[in-house]
C-alpha cells in the first residue's frame, strides 16, 4: 500500500510503501483505486495544527 506523507519541516511530499493495516474483528478494509492529493490543502491543515498548538487550551485564563 502507498501513503502520501507531507513533511512540515521542508514542505516535501513523499509517496512511501507501508504495510496493509490488519483487518481485526468487525473492521472493513476498503481498496481505493484512485485518489487526489492536494499539497496546498494538506499544507494548510498542517499550518492550522501548528497554530492551534500555540493556543491556550479551552477554558484557560490568560
C-alpha atoms as a PDB file:
ATOM      1  CA  UNK A   1       0.000   0.000   0.000  1.00  0.00           C
ATOM      2  CA  UNK A   2       1.260   3.507  -0.726  1.00  0.00           C
ATOM      3  CA  UNK A   3       0.875   6.506   1.548  1.00  0.00           C
ATOM      4  CA  UNK A   4       1.484  10.211   0.889  1.00  0.00           C
ATOM      5  CA  UNK A   5       3.484  11.964   3.600  1.00  0.00           C
ATOM      6  CA  UNK A   6       3.896  15.748   3.694  1.00  0.00           C
ATOM      7  CA  UNK A   7       6.805  16.996   5.787  1.00  0.00           C
ATOM      8  CA  UNK A   8       6.052  20.208   7.653  1.00  0.00           C
ATOM      9  CA  UNK A   9       9.801  20.867   8.026  1.00  0.00           C
ATOM     10  CA  UNK A  10      10.894  21.016   4.397  1.00  0.00           C
ATOM     11  CA  UNK A  11       7.496  21.148   2.646  1.00  0.00           C
ATOM     12  CA  UNK A  12       8.179  17.979   0.618  1.00  0.00           C
ATOM     13  CA  UNK A  13       5.528  15.470  -0.365  1.00  0.00           C
ATOM     14  CA  UNK A  14       6.728  11.847  -0.485  1.00  0.00           C
ATOM     15  CA  UNK A  15       4.956   8.664  -1.541  1.00  0.00           C
ATOM     16  CA  UNK A  16       6.118   5.671   0.528  1.00  0.00           C
ATOM     17  CA  UNK A  17       5.209   1.973   0.700  1.00  0.00           C
ATOM     18  CA  UNK A  18       3.611   0.951   4.008  1.00  0.00           C
ATOM     19  CA  UNK A  19       2.192  -2.320   5.334  1.00  0.00           C
ATOM     20  CA  UNK A  20      -1.507  -3.002   4.898  1.00  0.00           C
ATOM     21  CA  UNK A  21      -3.435  -2.429   8.127  1.00  0.00           C
ATOM     22  CA  UNK A  22      -4.541  -5.576   9.939  1.00  0.00           C
ATOM     23  CA  UNK A  23      -8.203  -6.464   9.468  1.00  0.00           C
ATOM     24  CA  UNK A  24      -9.474  -7.009  13.014  1.00  0.00           C
ATOM     25  CA  UNK A  25     -12.901  -8.097  14.171  1.00  0.00           C
ATOM     26  CA  UNK A  26     -15.719  -6.221  12.500  1.00  0.00           C
ATOM     27  CA  UNK A  27     -13.469  -3.736  10.689  1.00  0.00           C
ATOM     28  CA  UNK A  28     -13.598  -3.278   6.948  1.00  0.00           C
ATOM     29  CA  UNK A  29     -10.634  -2.709   4.629  1.00  0.00           C
ATOM     30  CA  UNK A  30     -11.547  -0.709   1.514  1.00  0.00           C
ATOM     31  CA  UNK A  31      -9.420  -0.749  -1.629  1.00  0.00           C
ATOM     32  CA  UNK A  32      -9.035   2.711  -3.169  1.00  0.00           C
ATOM     33  CA  UNK A  33      -8.498   2.680  -6.938  1.00  0.00           C
ATOM     34  CA  UNK A  34      -7.710   6.380  -7.385  1.00  0.00           C
ATOM     35  CA  UNK A  35      -7.281   9.390  -5.153  1.00  0.00           C
ATOM     36  CA  UNK A  36      -6.372  13.065  -5.438  1.00  0.00           C
ATOM     37  CA  UNK A  37      -3.774  14.680  -3.218  1.00  0.00           C
ATOM     38  CA  UNK A  38      -3.771  18.455  -2.925  1.00  0.00           C
ATOM     39  CA  UNK A  39      -0.481  19.597  -1.442  1.00  0.00           C
ATOM     40  CA  UNK A  40      -1.938  23.048  -0.783  1.00  0.00           C
ATOM     41  CA  UNK A  41      -4.846  21.684   1.252  1.00  0.00           C
ATOM     42  CA  UNK A  42      -2.615  19.336   3.241  1.00  0.00           C
ATOM     43  CA  UNK A  43      -0.147  22.152   3.937  1.00  0.00           C
ATOM     44  CA  UNK A  44      -3.000  24.382   5.138  1.00  0.00           C
ATOM     45  CA  UNK A  45      -4.090  21.679   7.603  1.00  0.00           C
ATOM     46  CA  UNK A  46      -0.527  21.359   8.941  1.00  0.00           C
ATOM     47  CA  UNK A  47      -0.347  25.140   9.367  1.00  0.00           C
ATOM     48  CA  UNK A  48      -3.661  25.140  11.275  1.00  0.00           C
ATOM     49  CA  UNK A  49      -2.412  22.357  13.549  1.00  0.00           C
ATOM     50  CA  UNK A  50       0.775  24.315  14.212  1.00  0.00           C
ATOM     51  CA  UNK A  51      -1.213  27.435  15.101  1.00  0.00           C
ATOM     52  CA  UNK A  52      -3.584  25.532  17.391  1.00  0.00           C
ATOM     53  CA  UNK A  53      -0.656  24.027  19.326  1.00  0.00           C
ATOM     54  CA  UNK A  54       0.331  27.569  20.383  1.00  0.00           C
ATOM     55  CA  UNK A  55      -3.149  28.474  21.628  1.00  0.00           C
ATOM     56  CA  UNK A  56      -4.115  28.016  25.294  1.00  0.00           C
ATOM     57  CA  UNK A  57      -6.426  25.067  25.994  1.00  0.00           C
ATOM     58  CA  UNK A  58     -10.183  25.786  26.050  1.00  0.00           C
ATOM     59  CA  UNK A  59     -11.246  27.333  29.361  1.00  0.00           C
ATOM     60  CA  UNK A  60      -7.736  28.516  30.277  1.00  0.00           C
ATOM     61  CA  UNK A  61      -7.442  32.014  31.684  1.00  0.00           C
ATOM     62  CA  UNK A  62      -4.877  34.414  30.311  1.00  0.00           C
END
